[in-house]
């Protein structure tokens, strides 16, 4: 059976990721056009990205314009206000030597959108920097989650592999900057600033848990501990005890073999998606663990048969 569903000339990581997760979920989202409502995790991530975008661009960060759903998201993660979160995040960024080293590099793009029609790719990269001394371009992805992304996560990150292809397949960008090396990395942003809200049996986060540490007390403790380098272990223990996660950064080189592997994987995935579009094959399958957490569960209603 042939299908009238037209596959776009390029596909994004989110489209590929949805397809890998569930063919039918892909159909509901990208063909039937069902739109998902944002949850508090998505809202928080969007806010953190916006703050970083303005900060890296050198713009004044306006924390007074916050939508109601953003206030709700902040409350769920135990953050009194966006101003409190930005004060904490800015403090962390400015005292983090690794991040300041990144900012001393040439910023090639912030929310850099690239398209590669020949290889069916497109994506928007959070931050791209270039070290003129080592001729190394680094693709940075902001992560605002409860746990940090680690070096091992980079090796299996489909999003960063797609971004790498977008850079490697852009001869003008490579030639203009005389790029010799490409790196990929995470900038892990804190999700909880002064104590983590309790996770209830329902899986939801408590809005009522009092913070263990006030922002002012946190800053005072850092300033006190930094007076003596020997107290750094005490500082790390303090963070752990009070469930505070600072900004952390990890990155690694991408080899020519990695780029070839990324290209093969993407081409195979594009061909597979194109095949399913062409033959209208989007089978439903049920997994109790996965499906009940899917935002389309009420539409799909698998498992009730």
Foldseek 3Di string as FASTA:
>chain_A
DFFPQDDDLADAPVLLVQCVQALVSSCVPPPVPDDFDDDLVNLLVVVVLVLVLCVLVVHDDDFPDDDPRPCVSCLQFPHNGSVLQSVQQVVLQVVDPVNVVQSVFAWPDAQCWFDDSVLRHIDTFHTWTAHLVVLEIEGEDEAEDLDDDDPVVVLVDLNVLRVVLRCVVDVVNCVVSVRDWYKYKYWYAYNHAFAGFDQDPVRGGDSPDHGPADSVRLVVVVVVQVVDPVCVVVNVVVCVVRSHDGIDMDMDTADPVSNVVSSVVSSVSVVVVVVCNGVVDRDDDDDPVPLVPDSCCVVVVPPPD
